[in-house]
Protein backbone atom coordinates (compact mmCIF):
# COMPACT_ATOMS: atom_id res chain seq x y z
CA MET A 1 40.90 13.76 -34.64
CA LEU A 2 41.90 14.66 -38.18
CA ASN A 3 45.35 15.73 -37.00
CA SER A 4 46.02 12.29 -35.57
CA LEU A 5 44.77 10.68 -38.76
CA ALA A 6 46.95 12.91 -40.91
CA ALA A 7 49.98 11.84 -38.87
CA ALA A 8 49.49 8.22 -39.89
CA PRO A 9 51.61 6.95 -42.79
CA PHE A 10 48.92 7.19 -45.42
CA ILE A 11 51.17 8.75 -48.12
CA TRP A 12 53.44 6.11 -49.54
CA PRO A 13 57.06 7.29 -50.00
CA LEU A 14 57.87 8.41 -53.53
CA GLN A 15 60.85 6.66 -55.01
CA MET A 16 62.97 9.23 -56.87
CA ASP A 17 65.75 7.91 -59.06
CA GLY A 18 66.99 9.85 -62.08
CA ARG A 19 64.67 7.97 -64.44
CA VAL A 20 61.54 9.82 -63.31
CA GLY A 21 61.10 13.28 -64.75
CA GLY A 22 59.99 16.22 -62.61
CA ASN A 23 56.52 16.45 -64.12
CA GLU A 24 55.96 12.70 -63.72
CA ALA A 25 57.11 12.85 -60.10
CA LEU A 26 54.75 15.71 -59.35
CA ALA A 27 51.86 13.87 -61.01
CA CYS A 28 52.66 10.71 -59.06
CA ALA A 29 52.84 12.68 -55.81
CA GLY A 30 49.50 14.28 -56.63
CA ARG A 31 47.85 10.93 -57.19
CA GLU A 32 49.23 9.58 -53.91
CA SER A 33 48.04 12.69 -52.07
CA SER A 34 44.56 12.24 -53.57
CA VAL A 35 44.49 8.61 -52.41
CA ALA A 36 45.57 9.64 -48.91
CA ILE A 37 42.94 12.39 -48.72
CA ALA A 38 40.24 9.99 -49.92
CA ARG A 39 41.25 7.47 -47.25
CA ILE A 40 41.22 10.11 -44.51
CA GLY A 41 37.75 11.11 -45.71
CA ALA A 42 36.54 7.50 -45.54
CA VAL A 43 37.91 7.09 -42.01
CA SER A 44 36.30 10.36 -40.92
CA GLU A 45 32.93 9.37 -42.41
CA TYR A 46 33.07 6.00 -40.64
CA LEU A 47 33.88 7.57 -37.26
CA LEU A 48 31.09 10.13 -37.60
CA GLY A 49 28.65 7.31 -38.37
CA LEU A 50 30.01 5.20 -35.52
CA TYR A 51 29.45 7.89 -32.90
CA ALA A 52 26.06 8.83 -34.31
CA ARG A 53 24.85 5.24 -34.07
CA SER A 54 26.28 4.87 -30.58
CA THR A 55 23.45 7.10 -29.35
CA GLU A 56 20.76 6.29 -31.91
CA ALA A 57 20.94 2.56 -32.74
CA ASP A 58 20.15 -0.47 -30.64
CA ALA A 59 23.09 -2.66 -29.64
CA SER A 60 22.65 -5.10 -32.53
CA GLY A 61 22.36 -2.34 -35.13
CA PHE A 62 25.38 -0.55 -33.73
CA SER A 63 27.50 -3.72 -33.71
CA THR A 64 26.56 -4.56 -37.28
CA PHE A 65 27.43 -1.08 -38.54
CA ALA A 66 30.69 -1.01 -36.57
CA LEU A 67 32.05 -4.33 -37.82
CA ASP A 68 30.71 -4.09 -41.38
CA GLY A 69 32.23 -0.61 -41.60
CA MET A 70 35.66 -1.78 -40.48
CA CYS A 71 35.57 -4.59 -43.03
CA ALA A 72 34.68 -2.14 -45.80
CA LEU A 73 37.23 0.44 -44.71
CA LEU A 74 40.11 -2.02 -44.50
CA ASP A 75 38.97 -4.29 -47.35
CA ALA A 76 38.56 -7.35 -45.10
CA ASP A 77 36.48 -10.35 -46.12
CA LYS A 78 35.50 -11.40 -42.61
CA ALA A 79 35.83 -10.19 -39.04
CA TRP A 80 35.44 -11.28 -35.43
CA TRP A 81 34.81 -8.90 -32.54
CA GLY A 82 34.66 -10.10 -28.98
CA VAL A 83 35.87 -10.11 -25.40
CA ILE A 84 38.26 -12.69 -23.95
CA SER A 85 39.57 -13.25 -20.45
CA VAL A 86 42.72 -15.27 -19.88
CA SER A 87 43.31 -17.71 -17.05
CA GLU A 88 45.54 -20.66 -16.33
CA ALA A 89 42.99 -22.81 -18.16
CA GLY A 90 43.44 -20.73 -21.32
CA PRO A 91 41.37 -18.08 -23.14
CA LEU A 92 37.71 -17.80 -22.13
CA LEU A 93 35.42 -16.21 -24.70
CA GLN A 94 32.96 -13.92 -22.92
CA SER A 95 31.37 -12.10 -25.87
CA SER A 96 31.35 -12.57 -29.62
CA PHE A 97 30.08 -10.93 -32.82
CA LEU A 98 30.83 -12.11 -36.36
CA CYS A 99 30.89 -10.55 -39.81
CA GLY A 100 31.04 -12.80 -42.88
CA LEU A 101 31.57 -15.93 -40.77
CA PRO A 102 29.03 -18.61 -39.76
CA PRO A 103 28.19 -19.19 -36.06
CA THR A 104 30.08 -22.48 -36.25
CA TYR A 105 33.34 -20.52 -36.45
CA VAL A 106 33.18 -19.84 -32.71
CA SER A 107 32.36 -23.43 -31.77
CA VAL A 108 35.27 -24.70 -33.88
CA TRP A 109 37.59 -22.08 -32.37
CA GLU A 110 36.62 -23.36 -28.91
CA THR A 111 38.08 -26.76 -29.83
CA VAL A 112 41.45 -25.33 -30.95
CA LYS A 113 41.78 -22.21 -28.78
CA GLN A 114 44.80 -23.59 -26.92
CA ASP A 115 46.70 -23.25 -30.22
CA ASP A 116 45.60 -19.65 -30.79
CA ASP A 117 48.91 -17.82 -30.52
CA ILE A 118 47.31 -14.60 -31.76
CA ALA A 119 45.04 -14.52 -28.69
CA LYS A 120 48.06 -15.11 -26.46
CA ILE A 121 50.03 -12.27 -28.08
CA ILE A 122 47.26 -9.65 -28.04
CA ALA A 123 46.49 -10.61 -24.43
CA ARG A 124 49.97 -9.32 -23.56
CA THR A 125 50.32 -6.53 -26.14
CA LYS A 126 47.41 -4.11 -26.17
CA ASN A 127 46.64 -1.39 -28.75
CA GLN A 128 49.09 -2.81 -31.30
CA THR A 129 48.16 -4.62 -34.48
CA VAL A 130 49.41 -8.19 -34.77
CA SER A 131 49.49 -9.72 -38.26
CA LEU A 132 49.78 -13.33 -39.31
CA GLU A 133 49.61 -15.35 -42.53
CA SER A 134 48.13 -18.80 -42.08
CA LYS A 135 50.78 -20.41 -44.28
CA ALA A 136 53.32 -19.55 -41.58
CA ILE A 137 51.49 -21.84 -39.10
CA PRO A 138 52.38 -25.57 -39.07
CA ALA A 139 49.77 -27.65 -40.90
CA THR A 140 49.12 -29.75 -37.78
CA ASN A 141 48.34 -26.73 -35.63
CA GLY A 142 44.70 -26.27 -34.64
CA LEU A 143 44.70 -22.59 -35.60
CA ARG A 144 45.94 -23.46 -39.09
CA GLN A 145 43.15 -25.98 -39.49
CA LEU A 146 40.62 -23.37 -38.34
CA ALA A 147 41.99 -20.86 -40.87
CA ASP A 148 41.95 -23.35 -43.74
CA GLY A 149 38.43 -24.51 -42.87
CA PHE A 150 37.02 -20.98 -43.06
CA ASP A 151 39.16 -19.59 -45.91
CA VAL A 152 41.32 -17.34 -43.74
CA SER A 153 44.72 -16.64 -45.27
CA GLN A 154 45.68 -13.44 -43.45
CA THR A 155 44.76 -11.97 -40.09
CA ILE A 156 45.31 -8.67 -38.35
CA SER A 157 44.23 -8.49 -34.71
CA ILE A 158 44.29 -5.86 -32.02
CA SER A 159 43.06 -5.63 -28.42
CA VAL A 160 42.04 -3.06 -25.82
CA ASP A 161 42.33 -3.70 -22.10
CA LEU A 162 39.08 -3.99 -20.09
CA PRO A 163 40.33 -3.79 -16.50
CA ASP A 164 36.81 -3.69 -15.02
CA GLN A 165 36.18 -7.13 -16.54
CA ARG A 166 39.70 -8.51 -16.15
CA ALA A 167 39.57 -9.15 -19.87
CA PHE A 168 40.32 -7.55 -23.23
CA MET A 169 38.26 -6.56 -26.23
CA PHE A 170 39.63 -7.71 -29.58
CA VAL A 171 38.92 -7.25 -33.26
CA SER A 172 40.32 -9.65 -35.84
CA LEU A 173 40.05 -8.87 -39.56
CA TYR A 174 40.56 -11.60 -42.15
CA ARG A 175 41.31 -11.96 -45.84
CA GLY A 176 40.87 -15.15 -47.79
CA HIS A 177 43.27 -16.97 -50.07
CA GLU A 178 44.38 -15.24 -53.27
CA ARG A 179 43.99 -11.85 -51.58
CA ARG A 180 46.75 -9.26 -51.13
CA VAL A 181 48.35 -8.86 -47.71
CA PHE A 182 47.28 -6.13 -45.30
CA THR A 183 49.57 -3.13 -45.80
CA PRO A 184 51.35 -1.24 -43.01
CA GLU A 185 49.03 1.67 -43.72
CA GLU A 186 45.95 -0.49 -43.16
CA GLN A 187 47.44 -1.82 -39.94
CA SER A 188 48.02 1.76 -38.78
CA ILE A 189 44.42 2.67 -39.53
CA ASN A 190 43.32 -0.38 -37.56
CA GLU A 191 45.25 0.88 -34.54
CA LEU A 192 43.66 4.32 -34.88
CA LEU A 193 40.13 2.91 -35.07
CA ILE A 194 40.14 0.50 -32.14
CA PRO A 195 40.02 3.11 -29.31
CA HIS A 196 37.11 4.82 -31.07
CA LEU A 197 35.28 1.51 -31.45
CA HIS A 198 35.73 0.78 -27.75
CA ALA A 199 34.53 4.24 -26.69
CA ALA A 200 31.51 4.21 -29.02
CA TRP A 201 30.55 0.67 -27.94
CA ARG A 202 30.54 1.69 -24.26
CA GLN A 203 28.51 4.77 -25.12
CA ASN A 204 25.97 2.64 -26.98
CA LEU A 205 25.55 0.35 -23.97
CA ARG A 206 24.98 3.31 -21.65
CA GLU A 207 22.38 4.81 -23.98
CA ARG A 208 20.42 1.56 -24.09
CA LEU A 209 20.23 1.37 -20.28
CA ARG A 210 17.93 4.33 -19.81
CA PRO A 211 14.97 3.68 -17.44
CA GLY A 212 11.76 2.45 -19.03
CA ARG A 213 8.36 0.90 -18.36
CA ASP A 214 6.35 -1.85 -20.01
CA SER A 215 2.86 -1.44 -21.49
CA GLY A 216 1.32 -2.05 -18.05
CA GLY A 217 3.36 0.67 -16.40
CA ALA A 218 5.76 -1.63 -14.55
CA GLU A 219 9.33 -0.35 -14.32
CA ILE A 220 11.91 -2.30 -16.31
CA TYR A 221 15.50 -2.77 -15.15
CA ARG A 222 18.14 -3.52 -17.78
CA ALA A 223 21.62 -5.01 -18.05
CA PHE A 224 23.95 -6.29 -20.76
CA VAL A 225 25.18 -9.78 -19.99
CA ASP A 226 27.94 -11.86 -21.57
CA ARG A 227 28.08 -15.54 -22.53
CA GLN A 228 29.12 -16.54 -19.01
CA GLY A 229 26.15 -14.82 -17.36
CA LYS A 230 28.18 -11.85 -16.10
CA SER A 231 26.81 -8.33 -16.10
CA VAL A 232 29.03 -6.18 -18.31
CA GLN A 233 27.03 -3.01 -17.79
CA HIS A 234 23.78 -2.38 -15.91
CA GLU A 235 21.66 0.42 -14.58
CA ASP A 236 21.53 1.02 -10.84
CA GLY A 237 17.99 -0.28 -10.54
CA PHE A 238 18.98 -3.64 -11.95
CA ALA A 239 21.60 -4.17 -9.24
CA ALA A 240 19.11 -3.07 -6.58
CA VAL A 241 16.52 -5.63 -7.74
CA ILE A 242 19.11 -8.43 -7.76
CA SER A 243 20.36 -7.48 -4.29
CA HIS A 244 16.77 -7.42 -3.00
CA HIS A 245 15.93 -10.90 -4.25
CA TRP A 246 19.39 -12.38 -3.62
CA PRO A 247 20.90 -10.54 -0.62
CA SER A 248 24.12 -12.56 -0.77
CA TRP A 249 24.82 -11.61 -4.41
CA ARG A 250 28.21 -10.04 -5.02
CA GLY A 251 30.31 -9.36 -8.11
CA SER A 252 29.30 -9.45 -11.77
CA LEU A 253 28.21 -13.11 -12.13
CA LEU A 254 24.43 -13.21 -11.87
CA PRO A 255 22.73 -15.71 -9.51
CA LEU A 256 22.36 -19.20 -10.96
CA VAL A 257 18.56 -19.18 -10.99
CA LEU A 258 18.60 -15.91 -12.92
CA ARG A 259 21.16 -17.23 -15.42
CA GLU A 260 18.92 -20.25 -15.99
CA ALA A 261 15.90 -17.98 -16.47
CA ILE A 262 17.83 -15.88 -18.99
CA GLU A 263 18.74 -19.02 -20.91
CA GLY A 264 15.08 -20.03 -20.96
CA ALA A 265 14.00 -16.57 -22.07
CA SER A 266 16.56 -16.67 -24.89
CA ALA A 267 14.56 -19.47 -26.47
CA ALA A 268 11.64 -17.02 -26.86
CA PRO A 269 13.18 -13.58 -27.56
CA GLY A 270 10.96 -10.69 -26.56
CA ARG A 271 8.65 -12.75 -24.32
CA TRP A 272 8.53 -12.25 -20.57
CA VAL A 273 9.22 -15.42 -18.60
CA GLY A 274 7.88 -15.41 -15.04
CA ARG A 275 10.01 -16.64 -12.14
CA GLY A 276 8.15 -16.17 -8.87
CA ALA A 277 8.09 -12.50 -7.88
CA TRP A 278 9.89 -11.29 -11.01
CA ALA A 279 9.92 -11.80 -14.77
CA VAL A 280 12.78 -11.73 -17.25
CA ARG A 281 13.15 -11.40 -21.00
CA SER A 282 16.22 -11.24 -23.17
CA ALA A 283 17.28 -10.40 -26.71
CA PRO A 284 20.53 -10.55 -28.72
CA ALA A 285 22.47 -7.28 -28.45
CA GLY A 286 25.53 -7.47 -30.67
CA LEU A 287 28.38 -8.90 -28.62
CA LEU A 288 26.13 -9.28 -25.59
CA THR A 289 22.60 -10.16 -24.49
CA LEU A 290 20.19 -7.47 -23.30
CA VAL A 291 18.44 -8.71 -20.16
CA GLU A 292 15.37 -6.97 -18.74
CA LEU A 293 13.79 -7.55 -15.32
CA ARG A 294 10.49 -6.36 -13.89
CA GLU A 295 8.06 -7.35 -11.19
CA ALA A 296 6.04 -10.38 -12.27
CA THR A 297 2.37 -10.06 -13.22
CA PRO A 298 -0.30 -12.79 -13.21
CA LEU A 299 -0.08 -12.98 -17.02
CA ASP A 300 3.56 -14.14 -16.76
CA ARG A 301 2.23 -17.45 -15.44
CA LEU A 302 0.61 -18.26 -18.79
CA THR A 303 2.23 -20.13 -21.65
CA PRO A 304 2.21 -18.37 -25.05
CA ARG A 305 -0.75 -20.50 -26.22
CA GLU A 306 -2.72 -19.86 -23.02
CA LEU A 307 -2.11 -16.12 -23.31
CA GLN A 308 -3.14 -16.11 -26.97
CA ALA A 309 -6.36 -17.99 -26.27
CA ALA A 310 -7.15 -15.83 -23.22
CA ARG A 311 -6.59 -12.60 -25.12
CA LEU A 312 -8.85 -13.62 -28.00
CA TYR A 313 -11.55 -14.83 -25.60
CA ALA A 314 -11.38 -11.55 -23.66
CA GLU A 315 -11.83 -9.71 -26.96
CA GLY A 316 -15.14 -11.51 -27.49
CA GLU A 317 -14.18 -14.41 -29.76
CA THR A 318 -15.92 -17.77 -29.27
CA HIS A 319 -14.17 -21.09 -28.82
CA LYS A 320 -14.82 -21.90 -32.47
CA ASP A 321 -13.53 -18.51 -33.61
CA ILE A 322 -10.32 -18.96 -31.63
CA ALA A 323 -9.88 -22.47 -33.03
CA ARG A 324 -10.25 -21.13 -36.57
CA LEU A 325 -7.84 -18.23 -35.98
CA THR A 326 -5.15 -20.31 -34.30
CA GLY A 327 -5.46 -23.61 -36.13
CA LEU A 328 -6.35 -25.44 -32.91
CA THR A 329 -9.33 -27.65 -32.13
CA PRO A 330 -12.18 -26.22 -29.99
CA SER A 331 -11.42 -28.75 -27.25
CA THR A 332 -7.77 -27.63 -27.14
CA VAL A 333 -8.91 -24.00 -26.92
CA ARG A 334 -11.16 -24.91 -23.96
CA HIS A 335 -8.20 -26.61 -22.28
CA TYR A 336 -6.01 -23.51 -22.65
CA LEU A 337 -8.79 -21.28 -21.31
CA ARG A 338 -9.36 -23.53 -18.28
CA GLU A 339 -5.63 -23.37 -17.53
CA ALA A 340 -5.62 -19.57 -17.95
CA TYR A 341 -8.65 -19.12 -15.66
CA SER A 342 -7.01 -21.28 -13.01
CA LYS A 343 -3.62 -19.53 -13.14
CA LEU A 344 -5.19 -16.05 -13.20
CA ASN A 345 -7.78 -16.87 -10.51
CA VAL A 346 -10.71 -15.56 -12.55
CA ASP A 347 -14.03 -17.26 -13.34
CA ASN A 348 -15.64 -15.24 -16.14
CA LYS A 349 -14.86 -13.37 -19.34
CA ALA A 350 -15.44 -9.90 -17.84
CA ALA A 351 -12.95 -10.54 -15.05
CA LEU A 352 -10.46 -11.87 -17.62
CA ALA A 353 -10.77 -8.76 -19.81
CA ASN A 354 -10.48 -6.48 -16.78
CA LEU A 355 -7.29 -8.21 -15.63
CA MET A 356 -5.71 -7.99 -19.07
CA GLY A 357 -6.55 -4.31 -19.32
CA ARG A 358 -4.90 -3.62 -15.95
CA GLN A 359 -1.75 -5.42 -17.13
CA GLY A 360 -1.46 -3.29 -20.24
CA ILE A 361 -2.73 -5.83 -22.78
CA ALA A 362 -4.29 -3.80 -25.59
CA LEU A 363 -7.31 -5.83 -26.60
CA ARG A 364 -8.24 -5.55 -30.25
CA ALA A 365 -4.92 -3.72 -30.79
CA GLN A 366 -4.50 -5.58 -34.05
CA ASN A 367 -6.65 -7.88 -36.12
CA ARG A 368 -4.08 -10.40 -37.16
CA VAL A 369 -2.99 -13.31 -34.98
CA VAL A 370 0.71 -14.08 -34.88
CA PRO A 371 1.20 -17.87 -34.99
CA LEU A 372 3.28 -19.33 -32.17
């Protein structure tokens, strides 16, 4: 790895013209060598951290380190990392992760993406850095307006082919106005880093897809899904569950009912949402969304408020105690408990506590109540 880095043009050529004395030239060369060695060291440290986090960090933590590190290494103000597929209708953004930019950047880009010549170029030319200064774009062009609106004066972008997705992964680094231009050396470093980023990202996804079980012992099946509802990477069990429930399912696009369930679960990250014989939950995972499936339990039928009231009641709290702890009225608590009893098909507190224990709910696990 270090050999390939050393081959990059990190040492700027020394201009020798009779006006520079030998000692000065040697001193200048020494300073340039020190700068080059320091830069190689920074790149090496970043790559070591990148691969370490690919096996240790969750997908969000890995993505944050990866993009923040590239910005720091190449002195960029902002960055955008994502996956795009190209069709006759134009570029389709499948995954996205931002550094130093607000979420609105993506929604604005969607309105001007037909003018994004950078996306068109890197779609054709992989593994090569493309650079652009916004002042070179006509003022009426949508990409120029996007750049001006988000203080982007200079861009370097690069892509890697993703043949299994019929798409490409890209990273765009930005500098604002009044900043110096990206040097050829920085562009070379960018080209060296992108294959490592791609490899470490894939490794991170694989590590996060190890088999697991929930607190009740039910097996959990995992997949990483993009903005379009397509599975980018999944464990074998996930595909088996989908094929069992939807025998006609083929390809990477998940069944519509599952995509709708994932969208609903996204509104309550970390909470299982029941859908008939199965339950789903999802959470942001860097560029993607981590989706988890398991067999549904009776508790998945309850709303968050019903589950909260039922848990407290099973722990021995009275209606008034639950009302005080949750900020609800006693009559509202009774309503939630009636709904919970009906959905769970129980008729007394002992049966309720027994059911919750079987489903892995740790009663009295903590004293505080998390407001919903």
